[in-house]
């Protein structure tokens, strides 16, 4: 097992995570983190998944305390093709 005290998180290679998908059954949580067109898939016991959830929630609470609430609404992206443009030459 890796000793977290000996890991410099800033020195680890990183991928930008832009999404996640997954599911679960009685024995295991299965999930994949997406980065562009690639997936990194994982499986975790319910106990490990809950410990990840507790850690993540703590990180988010700390972030929001320092920087404000995270807006989770999807951005309003205007399509480059608008209905008003149809029929124009």
PDB file of N, CA and C in Angstrom:
ATOM      1  N   UNK A   1       0.837  -1.177   0.000  1.00  0.00           N
ATOM      2  CA  UNK A   1       0.000   0.000   0.000  1.00  0.00           C
ATOM      3  C   UNK A   1       0.886   1.246   0.000  1.00  0.00           C
ATOM      4  N   UNK A   2       0.458   2.246  -0.737  1.00  0.00           N
ATOM      5  CA  UNK A   2       1.211   3.494  -0.846  1.00  0.00           C
ATOM      6  C   UNK A   2       0.965   4.345   0.390  1.00  0.00           C
ATOM      7  N   UNK A   3       2.034   4.896   0.942  1.00  0.00           N
ATOM      8  CA  UNK A   3       1.928   5.786   2.092  1.00  0.00           C
ATOM      9  C   UNK A   3       1.610   7.192   1.579  1.00  0.00           C
ATOM     10  N   UNK A   4       0.385   7.702   1.819  1.00  0.00           N
ATOM     11  CA  UNK A   4       0.016   9.024   1.305  1.00  0.00           C
ATOM     12  C   UNK A   4       0.945  10.142   1.780  1.00  0.00           C
ATOM     13  N   UNK A   5       1.553   9.982   2.940  1.00  0.00           N
ATOM     14  CA  UNK A   5       2.449  11.007   3.466  1.00  0.00           C
ATOM     15  C   UNK A   5       3.710  11.137   2.613  1.00  0.00           C
ATOM     16  N   UNK A   6       4.027  10.093   1.842  1.00  0.00           N
ATOM     17  CA  UNK A   6       5.241  10.107   1.022  1.00  0.00           C
ATOM     18  C   UNK A   6       4.968  10.500  -0.431  1.00  0.00           C
ATOM     19  N   UNK A   7       3.728  10.804  -0.760  1.00  0.00           N
ATOM     20  CA  UNK A   7       3.358  11.136  -2.133  1.00  0.00           C
ATOM     21  C   UNK A   7       3.286  12.651  -2.291  1.00  0.00           C
ATOM     22  N   UNK A   8       3.999  13.183  -3.285  1.00  0.00           N
ATOM     23  CA  UNK A   8       3.874  14.597  -3.633  1.00  0.00           C
ATOM     24  C   UNK A   8       2.888  14.682  -4.787  1.00  0.00           C
ATOM     25  N   UNK A   9       1.645  15.025  -4.483  1.00  0.00           N
ATOM     26  CA  UNK A   9       0.573  15.037  -5.478  1.00  0.00           C
ATOM     27  C   UNK A   9       0.902  15.956  -6.653  1.00  0.00           C
ATOM     28  N   UNK A  10       1.688  17.007  -6.404  1.00  0.00           N
ATOM     29  CA  UNK A  10       2.045  17.948  -7.470  1.00  0.00           C
ATOM     30  C   UNK A  10       3.026  17.363  -8.476  1.00  0.00           C
ATOM     31  N   UNK A  11       3.676  16.267  -8.136  1.00  0.00           N
ATOM     32  CA  UNK A  11       4.652  15.651  -9.032  1.00  0.00           C
ATOM     33  C   UNK A  11       4.060  14.517  -9.872  1.00  0.00           C
ATOM     34  N   UNK A  12       2.823  14.141  -9.613  1.00  0.00           N
ATOM     35  CA  UNK A  12       2.200  13.044 -10.355  1.00  0.00           C
ATOM     36  C   UNK A  12       1.685  13.523 -11.701  1.00  0.00           C
ATOM     37  N   UNK A  13       1.800  12.696 -12.756  1.00  0.00           N
ATOM     38  CA  UNK A  13       1.209  13.083 -14.041  1.00  0.00           C
ATOM     39  C   UNK A  13      -0.313  13.127 -13.908  1.00  0.00           C
ATOM     40  N   UNK A  14      -0.943  14.018 -14.672  1.00  0.00           N
ATOM     41  CA  UNK A  14      -2.386  14.202 -14.545  1.00  0.00           C
ATOM     42  C   UNK A  14      -3.075  14.210 -15.904  1.00  0.00           C
ATOM     43  N   UNK A  15      -4.324  13.772 -15.904  1.00  0.00           N
ATOM     44  CA  UNK A  15      -5.234  13.927 -17.031  1.00  0.00           C
ATOM     45  C   UNK A  15      -6.328  14.859 -16.553  1.00  0.00           C
ATOM     46  N   UNK A  16      -6.883  15.659 -17.458  1.00  0.00           N
ATOM     47  CA  UNK A  16      -8.018  16.506 -17.111  1.00  0.00           C
ATOM     48  C   UNK A  16      -9.277  15.658 -17.195  1.00  0.00           C
ATOM     49  N   UNK A  17      -9.971  15.502 -16.096  1.00  0.00           N
ATOM     50  CA  UNK A  17     -11.201  14.706 -16.052  1.00  0.00           C
ATOM     51  C   UNK A  17     -12.372  15.592 -16.436  1.00  0.00           C
ATOM     52  N   UNK A  18     -13.116  15.178 -17.477  1.00  0.00           N
ATOM     53  CA  UNK A  18     -14.253  15.981 -17.903  1.00  0.00           C
ATOM     54  C   UNK A  18     -15.589  15.275 -17.697  1.00  0.00           C
ATOM     55  N   UNK A  19     -15.568  14.130 -17.036  1.00  0.00           N
ATOM     56  CA  UNK A  19     -16.822  13.451 -16.750  1.00  0.00           C
ATOM     57  C   UNK A  19     -16.605  12.110 -16.095  1.00  0.00           C
ATOM     58  N   UNK A  20     -17.717  11.486 -15.715  1.00  0.00           N
ATOM     59  CA  UNK A  20     -17.658  10.176 -15.082  1.00  0.00           C
ATOM     60  C   UNK A  20     -18.946   9.418 -15.378  1.00  0.00           C
ATOM     61  N   UNK A  21     -18.805   8.117 -15.510  1.00  0.00           N
ATOM     62  CA  UNK A  21     -19.954   7.231 -15.678  1.00  0.00           C
ATOM     63  C   UNK A  21     -19.743   6.034 -14.772  1.00  0.00           C
ATOM     64  N   UNK A  22     -20.798   5.327 -14.438  1.00  0.00           N
ATOM     65  CA  UNK A  22     -20.603   4.152 -13.602  1.00  0.00           C
ATOM     66  C   UNK A  22     -21.892   3.528 -13.136  1.00  0.00           C
ATOM     67  N   UNK A  23     -21.713   2.532 -12.305  1.00  0.00           N
ATOM     68  CA  UNK A  23     -22.826   1.794 -11.740  1.00  0.00           C
ATOM     69  C   UNK A  23     -22.348   0.967 -10.561  1.00  0.00           C
ATOM     70  N   UNK A  24     -23.239   0.167 -10.023  1.00  0.00           N
ATOM     71  CA  UNK A  24     -22.881  -0.642  -8.858  1.00  0.00           C
ATOM     72  C   UNK A  24     -23.758  -1.874  -8.788  1.00  0.00           C
ATOM     73  N   UNK A  25     -23.286  -2.842  -8.030  1.00  0.00           N
ATOM     74  CA  UNK A  25     -24.102  -3.972  -7.609  1.00  0.00           C
ATOM     75  C   UNK A  25     -23.811  -4.185  -6.128  1.00  0.00           C
ATOM     76  N   UNK A  26     -24.246  -5.279  -5.560  1.00  0.00           N
ATOM     77  CA  UNK A  26     -24.066  -5.489  -4.114  1.00  0.00           C
ATOM     78  C   UNK A  26     -22.598  -5.546  -3.696  1.00  0.00           C
ATOM     79  N   UNK A  27     -21.727  -6.043  -4.564  1.00  0.00           N
ATOM     80  CA  UNK A  27     -20.332  -6.259  -4.187  1.00  0.00           C
ATOM     81  C   UNK A  27     -19.351  -5.165  -4.620  1.00  0.00           C
ATOM     82  N   UNK A  28     -19.691  -4.419  -5.684  1.00  0.00           N
ATOM     83  CA  UNK A  28     -18.669  -3.535  -6.244  1.00  0.00           C
ATOM     84  C   UNK A  28     -19.298  -2.318  -6.927  1.00  0.00           C
ATOM     85  N   UNK A  29     -18.591  -1.198  -6.860  1.00  0.00           N
ATOM     86  CA  UNK A  29     -18.896  -0.026  -7.670  1.00  0.00           C
ATOM     87  C   UNK A  29     -17.948  -0.063  -8.861  1.00  0.00           C
ATOM     88  N   UNK A  30     -18.482   0.131 -10.052  1.00  0.00           N
ATOM     89  CA  UNK A  30     -17.665   0.224 -11.262  1.00  0.00           C
ATOM     90  C   UNK A  30     -17.870   1.623 -11.833  1.00  0.00           C
ATOM     91  N   UNK A  31     -16.773   2.269 -12.175  1.00  0.00           N
ATOM     92  CA  UNK A  31     -16.906   3.612 -12.732  1.00  0.00           C
ATOM     93  C   UNK A  31     -15.733   3.899 -13.651  1.00  0.00           C
ATOM     94  N   UNK A  32     -15.953   4.858 -14.534  1.00  0.00           N
ATOM     95  CA  UNK A  32     -14.912   5.292 -15.451  1.00  0.00           C
ATOM     96  C   UNK A  32     -14.866   6.807 -15.431  1.00  0.00           C
ATOM     97  N   UNK A  33     -13.666   7.339 -15.401  1.00  0.00           N
ATOM     98  CA  UNK A  33     -13.461   8.774 -15.508  1.00  0.00           C
ATOM     99  C   UNK A  33     -13.086   9.064 -16.951  1.00  0.00           C
ATOM    100  N   UNK A  34     -13.735  10.062 -17.535  1.00  0.00           N
ATOM    101  CA  UNK A  34     -13.493  10.374 -18.935  1.00  0.00           C
ATOM    102  C   UNK A  34     -12.544  11.564 -19.055  1.00  0.00           C
ATOM    103  N   UNK A  35     -11.757  11.511 -20.108  1.00  0.00           N
ATOM    104  CA  UNK A  35     -10.847  12.604 -20.445  1.00  0.00           C
ATOM    105  C   UNK A  35     -10.804  12.663 -21.964  1.00  0.00           C
ATOM    106  N   UNK A  36     -11.558  13.585 -22.546  1.00  0.00           N
ATOM    107  CA  UNK A  36     -11.658  13.612 -24.004  1.00  0.00           C
ATOM    108  C   UNK A  36     -12.289  12.325 -24.486  1.00  0.00           C
ATOM    109  N   UNK A  37     -11.586  11.625 -25.361  1.00  0.00           N
ATOM    110  CA  UNK A  37     -12.094  10.357 -25.903  1.00  0.00           C
ATOM    111  C   UNK A  37     -11.547   9.140 -25.177  1.00  0.00           C
ATOM    112  N   UNK A  38     -10.880   9.325 -24.061  1.00  0.00           N
ATOM    113  CA  UNK A  38     -10.333   8.170 -23.349  1.00  0.00           C
ATOM    114  C   UNK A  38     -11.071   7.948 -22.029  1.00  0.00           C
ATOM    115  N   UNK A  39     -11.050   6.705 -21.592  1.00  0.00           N
ATOM    116  CA  UNK A  39     -11.681   6.297 -20.336  1.00  0.00           C
ATOM    117  C   UNK A  39     -10.648   5.579 -19.473  1.00  0.00           C
ATOM    118  N   UNK A  40     -10.677   5.854 -18.204  1.00  0.00           N
ATOM    119  CA  UNK A  40      -9.918   5.069 -17.229  1.00  0.00           C
ATOM    120  C   UNK A  40     -10.951   4.448 -16.312  1.00  0.00           C
ATOM    121  N   UNK A  41     -11.034   3.102 -16.328  1.00  0.00           N
ATOM    122  CA  UNK A  41     -12.077   2.438 -15.553  1.00  0.00           C
ATOM    123  C   UNK A  41     -11.522   1.891 -14.245  1.00  0.00           C
ATOM    124  N   UNK A  42     -12.394   1.869 -13.245  1.00  0.00           N
ATOM    125  CA  UNK A  42     -12.022   1.442 -11.902  1.00  0.00           C
ATOM    126  C   UNK A  42     -13.137   0.601 -11.306  1.00  0.00           C
ATOM    127  N   UNK A  43     -12.797  -0.186 -10.319  1.00  0.00           N
ATOM    128  CA  UNK A  43     -13.763  -0.915  -9.504  1.00  0.00           C
ATOM    129  C   UNK A  43     -13.342  -0.727  -8.049  1.00  0.00           C
ATOM    130  N   UNK A  44     -14.321  -0.590  -7.169  1.00  0.00           N
ATOM    131  CA  UNK A  44     -14.027  -0.382  -5.755  1.00  0.00           C
ATOM    132  C   UNK A  44     -15.094  -1.055  -4.907  1.00  0.00           C
ATOM    133  N   UNK A  45     -14.689  -1.514  -3.744  1.00  0.00           N
ATOM    134  CA  UNK A  45     -15.656  -2.074  -2.802  1.00  0.00           C
ATOM    135  C   UNK A  45     -16.536  -0.927  -2.288  1.00  0.00           C
ATOM    136  N   UNK A  46     -17.714  -1.255  -1.762  1.00  0.00           N
ATOM    137  CA  UNK A  46     -18.547  -0.192  -1.193  1.00  0.00           C
ATOM    138  C   UNK A  46     -17.825   0.613  -0.104  1.00  0.00           C
ATOM    139  N   UNK A  47     -17.010  -0.047   0.706  1.00  0.00           N
ATOM    140  CA  UNK A  47     -16.287   0.652   1.769  1.00  0.00           C
ATOM    141  C   UNK A  47     -15.282   1.649   1.196  1.00  0.00           C
ATOM    142  N   UNK A  48     -14.530   1.239   0.178  1.00  0.00           N
ATOM    143  CA  UNK A  48     -13.553   2.141  -0.442  1.00  0.00           C
ATOM    144  C   UNK A  48     -14.275   3.274  -1.155  1.00  0.00           C
ATOM    145  N   UNK A  49     -15.368   2.960  -1.855  1.00  0.00           N
ATOM    146  CA  UNK A  49     -16.108   3.999  -2.570  1.00  0.00           C
ATOM    147  C   UNK A  49     -16.654   5.035  -1.598  1.00  0.00           C
ATOM    148  N   UNK A  50     -17.143   4.592  -0.450  1.00  0.00           N
ATOM    149  CA  UNK A  50     -17.649   5.554   0.531  1.00  0.00           C
ATOM    150  C   UNK A  50     -16.513   6.409   1.076  1.00  0.00           C
ATOM    151  N   UNK A  51     -15.340   5.826   1.294  1.00  0.00           N
ATOM    152  CA  UNK A  51     -14.214   6.631   1.790  1.00  0.00           C
ATOM    153  C   UNK A  51     -13.783   7.658   0.743  1.00  0.00           C
ATOM    154  N   UNK A  52     -13.857   7.304  -0.543  1.00  0.00           N
ATOM    155  CA  UNK A  52     -13.562   8.260  -1.616  1.00  0.00           C
ATOM    156  C   UNK A  52     -14.604   9.384  -1.586  1.00  0.00           C
ATOM    157  N   UNK A  53     -15.871   9.021  -1.424  1.00  0.00           N
ATOM    158  CA  UNK A  53     -16.946  10.006  -1.377  1.00  0.00           C
ATOM    159  C   UNK A  53     -16.760  10.983  -0.211  1.00  0.00           C
ATOM    160  N   UNK A  54     -16.423  10.462   0.955  1.00  0.00           N
ATOM    161  CA  UNK A  54     -16.210  11.313   2.129  1.00  0.00           C
ATOM    162  C   UNK A  54     -15.040  12.267   1.870  1.00  0.00           C
ATOM    163  N   UNK A  55     -13.953  11.752   1.301  1.00  0.00           N
ATOM    164  CA  UNK A  55     -12.793  12.594   0.998  1.00  0.00           C
ATOM    165  C   UNK A  55     -13.165  13.668  -0.021  1.00  0.00           C
ATOM    166  N   UNK A  56     -13.858  13.284  -1.097  1.00  0.00           N
ATOM    167  CA  UNK A  56     -14.237  14.246  -2.132  1.00  0.00           C
ATOM    168  C   UNK A  56     -15.157  15.331  -1.562  1.00  0.00           C
ATOM    169  N   UNK A  57     -16.132  14.942  -0.768  1.00  0.00           N
ATOM    170  CA  UNK A  57     -17.033  15.930  -0.169  1.00  0.00           C
ATOM    171  C   UNK A  57     -16.270  16.924   0.698  1.00  0.00           C
ATOM    172  N   UNK A  58     -15.282  16.444   1.437  1.00  0.00           N
ATOM    173  CA  UNK A  58     -14.450  17.346   2.244  1.00  0.00           C
ATOM    174  C   UNK A  58     -13.663  18.312   1.373  1.00  0.00           C
ATOM    175  N   UNK A  59     -13.145  17.813   0.256  1.00  0.00           N
ATOM    176  CA  UNK A  59     -12.405  18.677  -0.667  1.00  0.00           C
ATOM    177  C   UNK A  59     -13.313  19.761  -1.255  1.00  0.00           C
ATOM    178  N   UNK A  60     -14.525  19.368  -1.635  1.00  0.00           N
ATOM    179  CA  UNK A  60     -15.473  20.319  -2.220  1.00  0.00           C
ATOM    180  C   UNK A  60     -15.889  21.359  -1.185  1.00  0.00           C
ATOM    181  N   UNK A  61     -16.147  20.932   0.044  1.00  0.00           N
ATOM    182  CA  UNK A  61     -16.516  21.885   1.093  1.00  0.00           C
ATOM    183  C   UNK A  61     -15.400  22.896   1.326  1.00  0.00           C
ATOM    184  N   UNK A  62     -14.156  22.415   1.358  1.00  0.00           N
ATOM    185  CA  UNK A  62     -13.020  23.322   1.538  1.00  0.00           C
ATOM    186  C   UNK A  62     -12.888  24.305   0.379  1.00  0.00           C
ATOM    187  N   UNK A  63     -13.075  23.819  -0.834  1.00  0.00           N
ATOM    188  CA  UNK A  63     -13.006  24.665  -2.025  1.00  0.00           C
ATOM    189  C   UNK A  63     -14.077  25.754  -1.968  1.00  0.00           C
ATOM    190  N   UNK A  64     -15.326  25.335  -1.678  1.00  0.00           N
ATOM    191  CA  UNK A  64     -16.423  26.297  -1.656  1.00  0.00           C
ATOM    192  C   UNK A  64     -16.282  27.303  -0.512  1.00  0.00           C
ATOM    193  N   UNK A  65     -15.699  26.888   0.583  1.00  0.00           N
ATOM    194  CA  UNK A  65     -15.460  27.821   1.689  1.00  0.00           C
ATOM    195  C   UNK A  65     -14.461  28.891   1.260  1.00  0.00           C
ATOM    196  N   UNK A  66     -13.471  28.488   0.479  1.00  0.00           N
ATOM    197  CA  UNK A  66     -12.436  29.426   0.053  1.00  0.00           C
ATOM    198  C   UNK A  66     -12.846  30.248  -1.173  1.00  0.00           C
ATOM    199  N   UNK A  67     -13.519  29.610  -2.145  1.00  0.00           N
ATOM    200  CA  UNK A  67     -13.770  30.260  -3.433  1.00  0.00           C
ATOM    201  C   UNK A  67     -15.242  30.510  -3.749  1.00  0.00           C
ATOM    202  N   UNK A  68     -16.148  30.038  -2.939  1.00  0.00           N
ATOM    203  CA  UNK A  68     -17.581  30.211  -3.200  1.00  0.00           C
ATOM    204  C   UNK A  68     -18.199  28.948  -3.785  1.00  0.00           C
ATOM    205  N   UNK A  69     -19.524  28.941  -3.800  1.00  0.00           N
ATOM    206  CA  UNK A  69     -20.263  27.768  -4.253  1.00  0.00           C
ATOM    207  C   UNK A  69     -19.976  27.454  -5.719  1.00  0.00           C
ATOM    208  N   UNK A  70     -19.839  26.185  -6.004  1.00  0.00           N
ATOM    209  CA  UNK A  70     -19.608  25.717  -7.378  1.00  0.00           C
ATOM    210  C   UNK A  70     -20.949  25.658  -8.098  1.00  0.00           C
ATOM    211  N   UNK A  71     -21.032  26.314  -9.246  1.00  0.00           N
ATOM    212  CA  UNK A  71     -22.239  26.303 -10.060  1.00  0.00           C
ATOM    213  C   UNK A  71     -22.242  25.029 -10.891  1.00  0.00           C
ATOM    214  N   UNK A  72     -23.230  24.171 -10.682  1.00  0.00           N
ATOM    215  CA  UNK A  72     -23.289  22.905 -11.417  1.00  0.00           C
ATOM    216  C   UNK A  72     -24.276  22.932 -12.576  1.00  0.00           C
ATOM    217  N   UNK A  73     -24.869  24.099 -12.844  1.00  0.00           N
ATOM    218  CA  UNK A  73     -25.762  24.197 -13.996  1.00  0.00           C
ATOM    219  C   UNK A  73     -24.947  24.117 -15.288  1.00  0.00           C
ATOM    220  N   UNK A  74     -25.448  23.401 -16.286  1.00  0.00           N
ATOM    221  CA  UNK A  74     -24.698  23.333 -17.541  1.00  0.00           C
ATOM    222  C   UNK A  74     -24.609  24.718 -18.184  1.00  0.00           C
ATOM    223  N   UNK A  75     -23.484  25.029 -18.806  1.00  0.00           N
ATOM    224  CA  UNK A  75     -23.355  26.343 -19.439  1.00  0.00           C
ATOM    225  C   UNK A  75     -24.320  26.471 -20.619  1.00  0.00           C
ATOM    226  N   UNK A  76     -24.805  27.678 -20.814  1.00  0.00           N
ATOM    227  CA  UNK A  76     -25.674  27.939 -21.952  1.00  0.00           C
ATOM    228  C   UNK A  76     -24.787  28.240 -23.161  1.00  0.00           C
ATOM    229  N   UNK A  77     -24.612  27.240 -23.999  1.00  0.00           N
ATOM    230  CA  UNK A  77     -23.767  27.383 -25.175  1.00  0.00           C
ATOM    231  C   UNK A  77     -24.668  27.605 -26.374  1.00  0.00           C
ATOM    232  N   UNK A  78     -24.459  28.714 -27.059  1.00  0.00           N
ATOM    233  CA  UNK A  78     -25.273  29.017 -28.221  1.00  0.00           C
ATOM    234  C   UNK A  78     -24.716  28.263 -29.426  1.00  0.00           C
ATOM    235  N   UNK A  79     -25.582  27.554 -30.106  1.00  0.00           N
ATOM    236  CA  UNK A  79     -25.187  26.820 -31.307  1.00  0.00           C
ATOM    237  C   UNK A  79     -24.754  27.805 -32.380  1.00  0.00           C
ATOM    238  N   UNK A  80     -23.723  27.457 -33.158  1.00  0.00           N
ATOM    239  CA  UNK A  80     -23.317  28.353 -34.246  1.00  0.00           C
ATOM    240  C   UNK A  80     -24.381  28.443 -35.345  1.00  0.00           C
ATOM    241  N   UNK A  81     -25.315  27.502 -35.391  1.00  0.00           N
ATOM    242  CA  UNK A  81     -26.402  27.531 -36.362  1.00  0.00           C
ATOM    243  C   UNK A  81     -27.685  27.834 -35.615  1.00  0.00           C
ATOM    244  N   UNK A  82     -28.311  28.957 -35.918  1.00  0.00           N
ATOM    245  CA  UNK A  82     -29.542  29.392 -35.272  1.00  0.00           C
ATOM    246  C   UNK A  82     -30.719  29.238 -36.231  1.00  0.00           C
ATOM    247  N   UNK A  83     -31.905  29.019 -35.662  1.00  0.00           N
ATOM    248  CA  UNK A  83     -33.112  28.903 -36.487  1.00  0.00           C
ATOM    249  C   UNK A  83     -33.304  30.151 -37.336  1.00  0.00           C
ATOM    250  N   UNK A  84     -32.927  31.318 -36.809  1.00  0.00           N
ATOM    251  CA  UNK A  84     -33.071  32.572 -37.558  1.00  0.00           C
ATOM    252  C   UNK A  84     -32.200  32.597 -38.809  1.00  0.00           C
ATOM    253  N   UNK A  85     -31.156  31.770 -38.815  1.00  0.00           N
ATOM    254  CA  UNK A  85     -30.254  31.728 -39.972  1.00  0.00           C
ATOM    255  C   UNK A  85     -30.771  30.840 -41.101  1.00  0.00           C
ATOM    256  N   UNK A  86     -31.733  29.981 -40.805  1.00  0.00           N
ATOM    257  CA  UNK A  86     -32.242  29.073 -41.822  1.00  0.00           C
ATOM    258  C   UNK A  86     -32.925  29.869 -42.935  1.00  0.00           C
ATOM    259  N   UNK A  87     -32.691  29.480 -44.148  1.00  0.00           N
ATOM    260  CA  UNK A  87     -33.293  30.144 -45.306  1.00  0.00           C
ATOM    261  C   UNK A  87     -32.489  31.322 -45.803  1.00  0.00           C
ATOM    262  N   UNK A  88     -31.453  31.713 -45.063  1.00  0.00           N
ATOM    263  CA  UNK A  88     -30.583  32.796 -45.552  1.00  0.00           C
ATOM    264  C   UNK A  88     -29.566  32.228 -46.518  1.00  0.00           C
ATOM    265  N   UNK A  89     -29.244  32.960 -47.533  1.00  0.00           N
ATOM    266  CA  UNK A  89     -28.259  32.495 -48.507  1.00  0.00           C
ATOM    267  C   UNK A  89     -26.895  32.986 -48.149  1.00  0.00           C
TER     268      UNK A  89
END
